């Protein structure tokens, strides 16, 4: 599979494409009903079964991994404008440096083939590097923290909000992001 074929970009001017993305985003997180913070953070439309971030699509690049039938299986939404930052909702501040972006969401629906997902992640990072970006920041809960650390994230800050622990992460975009288990354990 070539690099270009591992992802497509969301065309935010196409209402049907946005609907398909938001429906897939909803499917990925709809079972996480007990997480009050993401229920508050994002724009949930439970009746229409759609989910969106509060960052406008014009400020984002949304990478999609699709099945042969066009169905969105995985996505990575990236805030590249940084006019408004999702991390700020948790009290985290983005550095003032150039070449930064913010990961708004990453999800996978069905088919958790790690090799394919790592290839998707690698290709997205390569595209972001080609756009001149050097690092990406994100927030997460404790549960997926181990996976993100294995994918190369460094924890730069923590906060407890309404009894839920949140982590502010930094991903370097200028290196291979997958850490071996021994490196992740040492970090």
N, C-alpha and C. Protein backbone atom coordinates (compact mmCIF):
# COMPACT_ATOMS: atom_id res chain seq x y z
N UNK A 1 0.85 -1.17 0.00
CA UNK A 1 0.00 0.00 0.00
C UNK A 1 0.89 1.23 0.00
N UNK A 2 0.64 2.16 -0.88
CA UNK A 2 1.46 3.37 -0.95
C UNK A 2 1.08 4.34 0.16
N UNK A 3 1.98 5.27 0.45
CA UNK A 3 1.72 6.26 1.49
C UNK A 3 0.44 7.01 1.19
N UNK A 4 0.25 7.45 -0.03
CA UNK A 4 -0.92 8.26 -0.38
C UNK A 4 -2.22 7.48 -0.21
N UNK A 5 -2.19 6.17 -0.33
CA UNK A 5 -3.43 5.41 -0.26
C UNK A 5 -3.82 5.05 1.17
N UNK A 6 -2.96 5.31 2.16
CA UNK A 6 -3.29 4.95 3.53
C UNK A 6 -4.21 5.95 4.20
N UNK A 7 -4.32 7.15 3.65
CA UNK A 7 -5.27 8.11 4.20
C UNK A 7 -5.81 9.00 3.10
N UNK A 8 -6.97 9.56 3.38
CA UNK A 8 -7.54 10.64 2.58
C UNK A 8 -7.79 11.79 3.55
N UNK A 9 -8.03 12.95 3.02
CA UNK A 9 -8.35 14.10 3.85
C UNK A 9 -9.84 14.40 3.76
N UNK A 10 -10.41 14.79 4.88
CA UNK A 10 -11.81 15.18 4.90
C UNK A 10 -12.00 16.45 4.08
N UNK A 11 -12.96 16.43 3.19
CA UNK A 11 -13.36 17.62 2.45
C UNK A 11 -14.50 18.26 3.24
N UNK A 12 -14.16 19.26 4.06
CA UNK A 12 -15.15 19.87 4.95
C UNK A 12 -16.22 20.65 4.20
N UNK A 13 -16.02 20.90 2.91
CA UNK A 13 -17.05 21.58 2.12
C UNK A 13 -18.10 20.59 1.60
N UNK A 14 -17.86 19.31 1.77
CA UNK A 14 -18.78 18.26 1.33
C UNK A 14 -19.61 17.80 2.53
N UNK A 15 -20.86 18.21 2.58
CA UNK A 15 -21.74 17.90 3.72
C UNK A 15 -21.86 16.40 3.95
N UNK A 16 -21.90 15.62 2.89
CA UNK A 16 -22.01 14.16 3.05
C UNK A 16 -20.74 13.57 3.65
N UNK A 17 -19.59 14.10 3.26
CA UNK A 17 -18.32 13.63 3.82
C UNK A 17 -18.23 13.98 5.30
N UNK A 18 -18.67 15.17 5.67
CA UNK A 18 -18.67 15.58 7.08
C UNK A 18 -19.62 14.70 7.87
N UNK A 19 -20.79 14.43 7.32
CA UNK A 19 -21.77 13.57 7.99
C UNK A 19 -21.18 12.18 8.24
N UNK A 20 -20.52 11.60 7.24
CA UNK A 20 -19.93 10.26 7.39
C UNK A 20 -18.83 10.28 8.46
N UNK A 21 -18.00 11.32 8.46
CA UNK A 21 -16.95 11.44 9.46
C UNK A 21 -17.55 11.58 10.86
N UNK A 22 -18.51 12.49 11.03
CA UNK A 22 -19.10 12.72 12.34
C UNK A 22 -19.87 11.50 12.85
N UNK A 23 -20.46 10.74 11.97
CA UNK A 23 -21.14 9.50 12.38
C UNK A 23 -20.12 8.47 12.85
N UNK A 24 -19.00 8.38 12.15
CA UNK A 24 -17.94 7.44 12.55
C UNK A 24 -17.31 7.88 13.87
N UNK A 25 -17.08 9.16 14.03
CA UNK A 25 -16.56 9.74 15.27
C UNK A 25 -17.51 9.40 16.43
N UNK A 26 -18.79 9.54 16.20
CA UNK A 26 -19.80 9.22 17.22
C UNK A 26 -19.74 7.74 17.60
N UNK A 27 -19.69 6.87 16.59
CA UNK A 27 -19.62 5.42 16.86
C UNK A 27 -18.42 5.08 17.74
N UNK A 28 -17.31 5.74 17.48
CA UNK A 28 -16.08 5.44 18.23
C UNK A 28 -16.19 5.80 19.70
N UNK A 29 -16.97 6.83 20.04
CA UNK A 29 -17.02 7.31 21.42
C UNK A 29 -18.38 7.16 22.10
N UNK A 30 -19.37 6.67 21.42
CA UNK A 30 -20.72 6.61 21.98
C UNK A 30 -20.82 5.71 23.21
N UNK A 31 -19.96 4.74 23.33
CA UNK A 31 -20.01 3.84 24.49
C UNK A 31 -19.34 4.43 25.72
N UNK A 32 -18.67 5.56 25.57
CA UNK A 32 -17.96 6.18 26.68
C UNK A 32 -18.88 7.18 27.38
N UNK A 33 -20.03 6.70 27.77
CA UNK A 33 -21.03 7.59 28.36
C UNK A 33 -20.66 8.08 29.75
N UNK A 34 -19.81 7.35 30.45
CA UNK A 34 -19.43 7.74 31.80
C UNK A 34 -18.34 8.81 31.85
N UNK A 35 -17.74 9.15 30.74
CA UNK A 35 -16.68 10.14 30.73
C UNK A 35 -17.30 11.53 30.55
N UNK A 36 -17.52 12.19 31.67
CA UNK A 36 -18.18 13.50 31.65
C UNK A 36 -17.38 14.53 30.88
N UNK A 37 -16.06 14.43 30.95
CA UNK A 37 -15.24 15.47 30.33
C UNK A 37 -15.33 15.47 28.81
N UNK A 38 -15.34 14.30 28.18
CA UNK A 38 -15.48 14.34 26.72
C UNK A 38 -16.92 14.64 26.32
N UNK A 39 -17.86 14.32 27.17
CA UNK A 39 -19.25 14.71 26.88
C UNK A 39 -19.37 16.23 26.91
N UNK A 40 -18.58 16.87 27.74
CA UNK A 40 -18.59 18.32 27.85
C UNK A 40 -17.70 18.97 26.78
N UNK A 41 -16.59 18.32 26.45
CA UNK A 41 -15.59 18.89 25.55
C UNK A 41 -16.07 19.00 24.11
N UNK A 42 -16.72 17.98 23.61
CA UNK A 42 -17.10 17.93 22.21
C UNK A 42 -18.58 18.23 22.03
N UNK A 43 -19.00 18.42 20.79
CA UNK A 43 -20.39 18.71 20.46
C UNK A 43 -21.10 17.40 20.09
N UNK A 44 -21.92 16.92 21.02
CA UNK A 44 -22.62 15.66 20.85
C UNK A 44 -24.03 15.91 20.33
N UNK A 45 -24.42 15.17 19.31
CA UNK A 45 -25.80 15.17 18.82
C UNK A 45 -26.26 13.72 18.89
N UNK A 46 -26.76 13.35 20.06
CA UNK A 46 -27.16 11.94 20.27
C UNK A 46 -28.34 11.55 19.39
N UNK A 47 -29.24 12.49 19.10
CA UNK A 47 -30.39 12.16 18.26
C UNK A 47 -29.95 11.80 16.84
N UNK A 48 -29.03 12.57 16.29
CA UNK A 48 -28.55 12.32 14.93
C UNK A 48 -27.36 11.37 14.91
N UNK A 49 -26.85 11.01 16.11
CA UNK A 49 -25.68 10.14 16.23
C UNK A 49 -24.48 10.72 15.49
N UNK A 50 -24.18 11.99 15.83
CA UNK A 50 -23.05 12.72 15.25
C UNK A 50 -22.23 13.34 16.36
N UNK A 51 -20.94 13.47 16.11
CA UNK A 51 -20.03 14.05 17.08
C UNK A 51 -19.02 14.92 16.34
N UNK A 52 -18.73 16.10 16.92
CA UNK A 52 -17.76 17.02 16.33
C UNK A 52 -16.97 17.69 17.44
N UNK A 53 -15.79 18.16 17.12
CA UNK A 53 -15.03 18.97 18.07
C UNK A 53 -15.56 20.40 17.98
N UNK A 54 -15.14 21.23 18.90
CA UNK A 54 -15.56 22.64 18.88
C UNK A 54 -14.66 23.50 17.99
N UNK A 55 -13.59 22.94 17.53
CA UNK A 55 -12.67 23.65 16.63
C UNK A 55 -13.27 23.61 15.22
N UNK A 56 -13.39 24.75 14.56
CA UNK A 56 -13.97 24.76 13.20
C UNK A 56 -13.17 23.90 12.22
N UNK A 57 -13.88 23.27 11.30
CA UNK A 57 -13.21 22.42 10.31
C UNK A 57 -12.20 23.21 9.46
N UNK A 58 -12.43 24.50 9.26
CA UNK A 58 -11.48 25.31 8.49
C UNK A 58 -10.12 25.41 9.17
N UNK A 59 -10.07 25.15 10.47
CA UNK A 59 -8.82 25.20 11.22
C UNK A 59 -8.17 23.83 11.37
N UNK A 60 -8.78 22.81 10.77
CA UNK A 60 -8.33 21.43 10.95
C UNK A 60 -7.88 20.77 9.65
N UNK A 61 -7.05 19.78 9.82
CA UNK A 61 -6.82 18.76 8.80
C UNK A 61 -7.34 17.47 9.44
N UNK A 62 -8.24 16.78 8.75
CA UNK A 62 -8.78 15.53 9.27
C UNK A 62 -8.35 14.42 8.33
N UNK A 63 -7.50 13.54 8.86
CA UNK A 63 -7.02 12.38 8.12
C UNK A 63 -8.00 11.24 8.33
N UNK A 64 -8.35 10.58 7.24
CA UNK A 64 -9.29 9.46 7.31
C UNK A 64 -8.65 8.21 6.73
N UNK A 65 -8.92 7.11 7.38
CA UNK A 65 -8.55 5.81 6.82
C UNK A 65 -9.87 5.13 6.50
N UNK A 66 -10.01 4.72 5.27
CA UNK A 66 -11.28 4.17 4.80
C UNK A 66 -11.15 2.71 4.41
N UNK A 67 -12.27 2.04 4.51
CA UNK A 67 -12.37 0.68 3.99
C UNK A 67 -12.57 0.76 2.48
N UNK A 68 -12.50 -0.36 1.80
CA UNK A 68 -12.68 -0.39 0.35
C UNK A 68 -14.02 0.20 -0.07
N UNK A 69 -15.04 0.05 0.78
CA UNK A 69 -16.37 0.58 0.45
C UNK A 69 -16.52 2.06 0.78
N UNK A 70 -15.44 2.71 1.25
CA UNK A 70 -15.47 4.14 1.55
C UNK A 70 -15.79 4.47 2.99
N UNK A 71 -16.17 3.48 3.80
CA UNK A 71 -16.52 3.72 5.19
C UNK A 71 -15.30 4.17 5.99
N UNK A 72 -15.50 5.20 6.82
CA UNK A 72 -14.42 5.72 7.67
C UNK A 72 -14.18 4.73 8.80
N UNK A 73 -12.96 4.20 8.88
CA UNK A 73 -12.60 3.24 9.93
C UNK A 73 -11.73 3.88 11.00
N UNK A 74 -10.93 4.87 10.61
CA UNK A 74 -10.04 5.53 11.57
C UNK A 74 -9.88 6.98 11.14
N UNK A 75 -9.57 7.82 12.12
CA UNK A 75 -9.38 9.23 11.81
C UNK A 75 -8.44 9.87 12.81
N UNK A 76 -7.79 10.91 12.35
CA UNK A 76 -6.96 11.76 13.19
C UNK A 76 -7.31 13.19 12.79
N UNK A 77 -7.89 13.95 13.73
CA UNK A 77 -8.24 15.35 13.48
C UNK A 77 -7.17 16.22 14.13
N UNK A 78 -6.63 17.16 13.35
CA UNK A 78 -5.50 17.97 13.78
C UNK A 78 -5.84 19.45 13.64
N UNK A 79 -5.71 20.17 14.73
CA UNK A 79 -5.89 21.62 14.75
C UNK A 79 -4.57 22.23 14.29
N UNK A 80 -4.57 22.81 13.09
CA UNK A 80 -3.34 23.39 12.57
C UNK A 80 -3.33 24.91 12.68
N UNK A 81 -4.48 25.54 12.86
CA UNK A 81 -4.54 27.00 12.95
C UNK A 81 -4.20 27.50 14.35
N UNK A 82 -4.59 26.73 15.37
CA UNK A 82 -4.32 27.05 16.77
C UNK A 82 -4.89 28.41 17.21
N UNK A 83 -5.94 28.88 16.53
CA UNK A 83 -6.61 30.11 16.97
C UNK A 83 -7.35 29.87 18.27
N UNK A 84 -7.82 28.66 18.42
CA UNK A 84 -8.53 28.19 19.61
C UNK A 84 -7.98 26.79 19.86
N UNK A 85 -7.70 26.46 21.11
CA UNK A 85 -7.12 25.14 21.40
C UNK A 85 -8.03 24.35 22.33
N UNK A 86 -8.26 23.13 21.96
CA UNK A 86 -9.08 22.23 22.75
C UNK A 86 -8.45 21.98 24.13
N UNK A 87 -7.13 21.90 24.18
CA UNK A 87 -6.42 21.63 25.44
C UNK A 87 -6.72 22.70 26.49
N UNK A 88 -7.02 23.91 26.05
CA UNK A 88 -7.34 25.00 26.96
C UNK A 88 -8.56 24.72 27.81
N UNK A 89 -9.46 23.89 27.32
CA UNK A 89 -10.66 23.53 28.09
C UNK A 89 -10.29 22.77 29.36
N UNK A 90 -9.12 22.14 29.37
CA UNK A 90 -8.64 21.41 30.54
C UNK A 90 -7.59 22.20 31.31
N UNK A 91 -7.37 23.45 30.91
CA UNK A 91 -6.41 24.30 31.61
C UNK A 91 -4.99 24.18 31.10
N UNK A 92 -4.77 23.46 30.02
CA UNK A 92 -3.44 23.31 29.45
C UNK A 92 -3.20 24.41 28.42
N UNK A 93 -2.00 24.94 28.37
CA UNK A 93 -1.65 25.99 27.41
C UNK A 93 -0.65 25.46 26.39
N UNK A 94 -0.95 25.71 25.14
CA UNK A 94 -0.03 25.34 24.07
C UNK A 94 1.18 26.26 24.12
N UNK A 95 2.38 25.74 23.87
CA UNK A 95 3.55 26.61 23.78
C UNK A 95 3.38 27.61 22.63
N UNK A 96 4.14 28.67 22.68
CA UNK A 96 4.06 29.73 21.67
C UNK A 96 4.93 29.45 20.45
N UNK A 97 5.62 28.33 20.42
CA UNK A 97 6.57 28.02 19.35
C UNK A 97 5.88 27.86 18.00
N UNK A 98 6.66 28.00 16.95
CA UNK A 98 6.17 27.75 15.58
C UNK A 98 6.25 26.24 15.30
N UNK A 99 5.50 25.80 14.30
CA UNK A 99 5.58 24.42 13.88
C UNK A 99 4.82 23.44 14.76
N UNK A 100 3.81 23.95 15.49
CA UNK A 100 3.04 23.09 16.39
C UNK A 100 1.63 22.88 15.85
N UNK A 101 1.04 21.79 16.29
CA UNK A 101 -0.35 21.50 16.00
C UNK A 101 -0.94 20.81 17.23
N UNK A 102 -2.25 20.63 17.19
CA UNK A 102 -2.94 19.97 18.30
C UNK A 102 -3.78 18.83 17.75
N UNK A 103 -3.60 17.65 18.32
CA UNK A 103 -4.42 16.51 17.95
C UNK A 103 -5.73 16.60 18.72
N UNK A 104 -6.83 16.70 17.99
CA UNK A 104 -8.14 16.88 18.60
C UNK A 104 -8.80 15.56 18.94
N UNK A 105 -8.66 14.61 18.06
CA UNK A 105 -9.19 13.27 18.30
C UNK A 105 -8.47 12.28 17.40
N UNK A 106 -8.37 11.08 17.89
CA UNK A 106 -7.91 9.96 17.09
C UNK A 106 -8.80 8.80 17.48
N UNK A 107 -9.31 8.09 16.48
CA UNK A 107 -10.17 6.96 16.80
C UNK A 107 -10.09 5.90 15.72
N UNK A 108 -10.50 4.70 16.13
CA UNK A 108 -10.57 3.55 15.24
C UNK A 108 -11.90 2.87 15.50
N UNK A 109 -12.63 2.57 14.44
CA UNK A 109 -13.84 1.77 14.53
C UNK A 109 -13.58 0.42 13.89
N UNK A 110 -13.83 -0.63 14.63
CA UNK A 110 -13.68 -1.99 14.10
C UNK A 110 -12.24 -2.24 13.62
N UNK A 111 -11.98 -3.45 13.27
CA UNK A 111 -10.71 -3.83 12.65
C UNK A 111 -9.48 -3.21 13.28
N UNK A 112 -9.17 -3.55 14.49
CA UNK A 112 -8.02 -2.97 15.19
C UNK A 112 -6.71 -3.65 14.79
N UNK A 113 -6.45 -3.76 13.52
CA UNK A 113 -5.20 -4.31 13.01
C UNK A 113 -4.11 -3.29 13.26
N UNK A 114 -3.23 -3.57 14.23
CA UNK A 114 -2.24 -2.59 14.65
C UNK A 114 -1.27 -2.20 13.54
N UNK A 115 -0.88 -3.14 12.71
CA UNK A 115 0.05 -2.81 11.63
C UNK A 115 -0.55 -1.75 10.71
N UNK A 116 -1.81 -1.91 10.36
CA UNK A 116 -2.49 -0.95 9.49
C UNK A 116 -2.65 0.39 10.19
N UNK A 117 -2.99 0.36 11.47
CA UNK A 117 -3.18 1.60 12.22
C UNK A 117 -1.86 2.33 12.43
N UNK A 118 -0.77 1.61 12.69
CA UNK A 118 0.53 2.24 12.82
C UNK A 118 0.94 2.88 11.49
N UNK A 119 0.66 2.19 10.39
CA UNK A 119 0.99 2.75 9.08
C UNK A 119 0.20 4.04 8.85
N UNK A 120 -1.06 4.05 9.23
CA UNK A 120 -1.89 5.26 9.13
C UNK A 120 -1.28 6.38 9.94
N UNK A 121 -0.96 6.09 11.19
CA UNK A 121 -0.37 7.08 12.09
C UNK A 121 0.95 7.61 11.52
N UNK A 122 1.82 6.71 11.06
CA UNK A 122 3.10 7.10 10.48
C UNK A 122 2.90 8.01 9.28
N UNK A 123 1.97 7.66 8.42
CA UNK A 123 1.72 8.46 7.22
C UNK A 123 1.16 9.84 7.56
N UNK A 124 0.30 9.91 8.56
CA UNK A 124 -0.24 11.21 8.99
C UNK A 124 0.88 12.08 9.53
N UNK A 125 1.76 11.50 10.35
CA UNK A 125 2.89 12.26 10.90
C UNK A 125 3.80 12.74 9.76
N UNK A 126 4.04 11.89 8.78
CA UNK A 126 4.89 12.28 7.65
C UNK A 126 4.27 13.45 6.90
N UNK A 127 2.96 13.41 6.70
CA UNK A 127 2.28 14.51 6.02
C UNK A 127 2.38 15.80 6.83
N UNK A 128 2.20 15.70 8.14
CA UNK A 128 2.32 16.88 9.00
C UNK A 128 3.74 17.46 8.93
N UNK A 129 4.75 16.58 8.94
CA UNK A 129 6.14 17.04 8.79
C UNK A 129 6.34 17.76 7.46
N UNK A 130 5.76 17.18 6.40
CA UNK A 130 5.88 17.80 5.08
C UNK A 130 5.22 19.17 5.03
N UNK A 131 4.28 19.41 5.92
CA UNK A 131 3.62 20.71 6.02
C UNK A 131 4.39 21.67 6.93
N UNK A 132 5.54 21.23 7.43
CA UNK A 132 6.39 22.09 8.24
C UNK A 132 6.12 22.03 9.73
N UNK A 133 5.34 21.06 10.18
CA UNK A 133 5.03 20.95 11.60
C UNK A 133 6.06 20.06 12.29
N UNK A 134 6.39 20.43 13.52
CA UNK A 134 7.45 19.75 14.26
C UNK A 134 6.95 18.92 15.44
N UNK A 135 5.83 19.35 16.04
CA UNK A 135 5.32 18.64 17.22
C UNK A 135 3.81 18.81 17.29
N UNK A 136 3.18 17.80 17.87
CA UNK A 136 1.74 17.84 18.09
C UNK A 136 1.44 17.62 19.56
N UNK A 137 0.47 18.34 20.06
CA UNK A 137 0.05 18.23 21.46
C UNK A 137 -1.35 17.65 21.50
N UNK A 138 -1.66 16.97 22.62
CA UNK A 138 -2.96 16.34 22.78
C UNK A 138 -3.26 16.18 24.26
N UNK A 139 -4.51 15.93 24.57
CA UNK A 139 -4.91 15.58 25.93
C UNK A 139 -5.49 14.18 25.91
N UNK A 140 -5.39 13.52 27.06
CA UNK A 140 -5.95 12.17 27.16
C UNK A 140 -6.27 11.85 28.60
N UNK A 141 -7.08 10.83 28.76
CA UNK A 141 -7.37 10.26 30.08
C UNK A 141 -6.29 9.22 30.40
N UNK A 142 -6.34 8.66 31.59
CA UNK A 142 -5.33 7.67 31.98
C UNK A 142 -5.42 6.39 31.15
N UNK A 143 -6.61 5.91 30.85
CA UNK A 143 -6.76 4.60 30.20
C UNK A 143 -5.93 4.45 28.91
N UNK A 144 -5.99 5.40 27.96
CA UNK A 144 -5.18 5.21 26.75
C UNK A 144 -3.75 5.74 26.85
N UNK A 145 -3.37 6.25 28.01
CA UNK A 145 -2.05 6.87 28.16
C UNK A 145 -0.91 5.92 27.79
N UNK A 146 -0.98 4.66 28.20
CA UNK A 146 0.08 3.70 27.89
C UNK A 146 0.28 3.53 26.40
N UNK A 147 -0.80 3.45 25.66
CA UNK A 147 -0.70 3.32 24.21
C UNK A 147 -0.05 4.57 23.61
N UNK A 148 -0.48 5.74 24.03
CA UNK A 148 0.08 6.97 23.49
C UNK A 148 1.56 7.11 23.83
N UNK A 149 1.94 6.67 25.01
CA UNK A 149 3.37 6.72 25.37
C UNK A 149 4.16 5.77 24.47
N UNK A 150 3.58 4.63 24.20
CA UNK A 150 4.24 3.68 23.30
C UNK A 150 4.36 4.25 21.89
N UNK A 151 3.41 5.09 21.53
CA UNK A 151 3.44 5.74 20.23
C UNK A 151 4.35 6.97 20.21
N UNK A 152 5.02 7.22 21.32
CA UNK A 152 6.01 8.28 21.34
C UNK A 152 5.64 9.52 22.13
N UNK A 153 4.51 9.53 22.80
CA UNK A 153 4.09 10.73 23.54
C UNK A 153 4.91 10.91 24.80
N UNK A 154 5.19 12.16 25.10
CA UNK A 154 5.79 12.54 26.38
C UNK A 154 4.74 13.32 27.15
N UNK A 155 4.58 13.02 28.42
CA UNK A 155 3.64 13.75 29.27
C UNK A 155 4.31 15.04 29.69
N UNK A 156 3.67 16.18 29.39
CA UNK A 156 4.25 17.47 29.74
C UNK A 156 3.51 18.15 30.90
N UNK A 157 2.28 17.70 31.19
CA UNK A 157 1.53 18.26 32.32
C UNK A 157 0.37 17.33 32.65
N UNK A 158 -0.12 17.44 33.88
CA UNK A 158 -1.29 16.67 34.30
C UNK A 158 -2.24 17.60 35.03
N UNK A 159 -3.50 17.20 35.06
CA UNK A 159 -4.51 17.96 35.80
C UNK A 159 -5.61 17.00 36.22
N UNK A 160 -6.26 17.32 37.32
CA UNK A 160 -7.44 16.57 37.74
C UNK A 160 -8.63 17.53 37.67
N UNK A 161 -9.61 17.13 36.88
CA UNK A 161 -10.78 17.96 36.64
C UNK A 161 -12.01 17.14 37.00
N UNK A 162 -12.79 17.63 37.95
CA UNK A 162 -13.99 16.92 38.41
C UNK A 162 -13.68 15.45 38.72
N UNK A 163 -12.55 15.21 39.34
CA UNK A 163 -12.16 13.88 39.75
C UNK A 163 -11.57 13.01 38.65
N UNK A 164 -11.47 13.53 37.44
CA UNK A 164 -10.90 12.77 36.32
C UNK A 164 -9.51 13.32 35.99
N UNK A 165 -8.55 12.40 35.89
CA UNK A 165 -7.18 12.78 35.59
C UNK A 165 -7.01 12.98 34.09
N UNK A 166 -6.34 14.06 33.71
CA UNK A 166 -6.05 14.36 32.31
C UNK A 166 -4.56 14.60 32.16
N UNK A 167 -4.06 14.21 31.00
CA UNK A 167 -2.65 14.33 30.69
C UNK A 167 -2.49 15.17 29.43
N UNK A 168 -1.52 16.08 29.45
CA UNK A 168 -1.18 16.90 28.30
C UNK A 168 0.06 16.28 27.68
N UNK A 169 -0.04 15.86 26.43
CA UNK A 169 1.00 15.09 25.76
C UNK A 169 1.65 15.88 24.64
N UNK A 170 2.91 15.56 24.39
CA UNK A 170 3.64 16.11 23.26
C UNK A 170 4.16 14.95 22.42
N UNK A 171 3.87 15.00 21.13
CA UNK A 171 4.40 14.04 20.17
C UNK A 171 5.37 14.77 19.25
N UNK A 172 6.59 14.30 19.18
CA UNK A 172 7.54 14.85 18.23
C UNK A 172 7.18 14.32 16.85
N UNK A 173 7.14 15.19 15.88
CA UNK A 173 6.83 14.77 14.52
C UNK A 173 8.08 14.55 13.68
N UNK A 174 9.25 14.81 14.27
CA UNK A 174 10.48 14.70 13.49
C UNK A 174 11.23 13.40 13.73
N UNK A 175 10.56 12.42 14.30
CA UNK A 175 11.21 11.12 14.50
C UNK A 175 10.18 10.01 14.35
N UNK A 176 10.69 8.80 14.25
CA UNK A 176 9.80 7.63 14.21
C UNK A 176 9.05 7.60 15.53
N UNK A 177 7.75 7.60 15.48
CA UNK A 177 6.95 7.77 16.69
C UNK A 177 6.76 6.49 17.49
N UNK A 178 6.96 5.34 16.92
CA UNK A 178 6.68 4.11 17.66
C UNK A 178 7.87 3.75 18.54
N UNK A 179 7.65 3.78 19.82
CA UNK A 179 8.68 3.37 20.77
C UNK A 179 8.56 1.88 21.02
N UNK A 180 9.67 1.27 21.20
CA UNK A 180 9.67 -0.13 21.60
C UNK A 180 9.22 -0.21 23.06
N UNK A 181 8.71 -1.35 23.46
CA UNK A 181 8.20 -1.50 24.83
C UNK A 181 9.23 -1.09 25.88
N UNK A 182 10.50 -1.42 25.67
CA UNK A 182 11.53 -1.08 26.67
C UNK A 182 11.71 0.42 26.78
N UNK A 183 11.66 1.14 25.66
CA UNK A 183 11.79 2.60 25.70
C UNK A 183 10.60 3.23 26.39
N UNK A 184 9.39 2.75 26.10
CA UNK A 184 8.18 3.30 26.72
C UNK A 184 8.19 3.06 28.22
N UNK A 185 8.66 1.88 28.63
CA UNK A 185 8.70 1.57 30.07
C UNK A 185 9.71 2.46 30.78
N UNK A 186 10.83 2.74 30.13
CA UNK A 186 11.84 3.61 30.73
C UNK A 186 11.36 5.04 30.87
N UNK A 187 10.49 5.48 29.94
CA UNK A 187 9.98 6.86 29.98
C UNK A 187 8.99 7.01 31.12
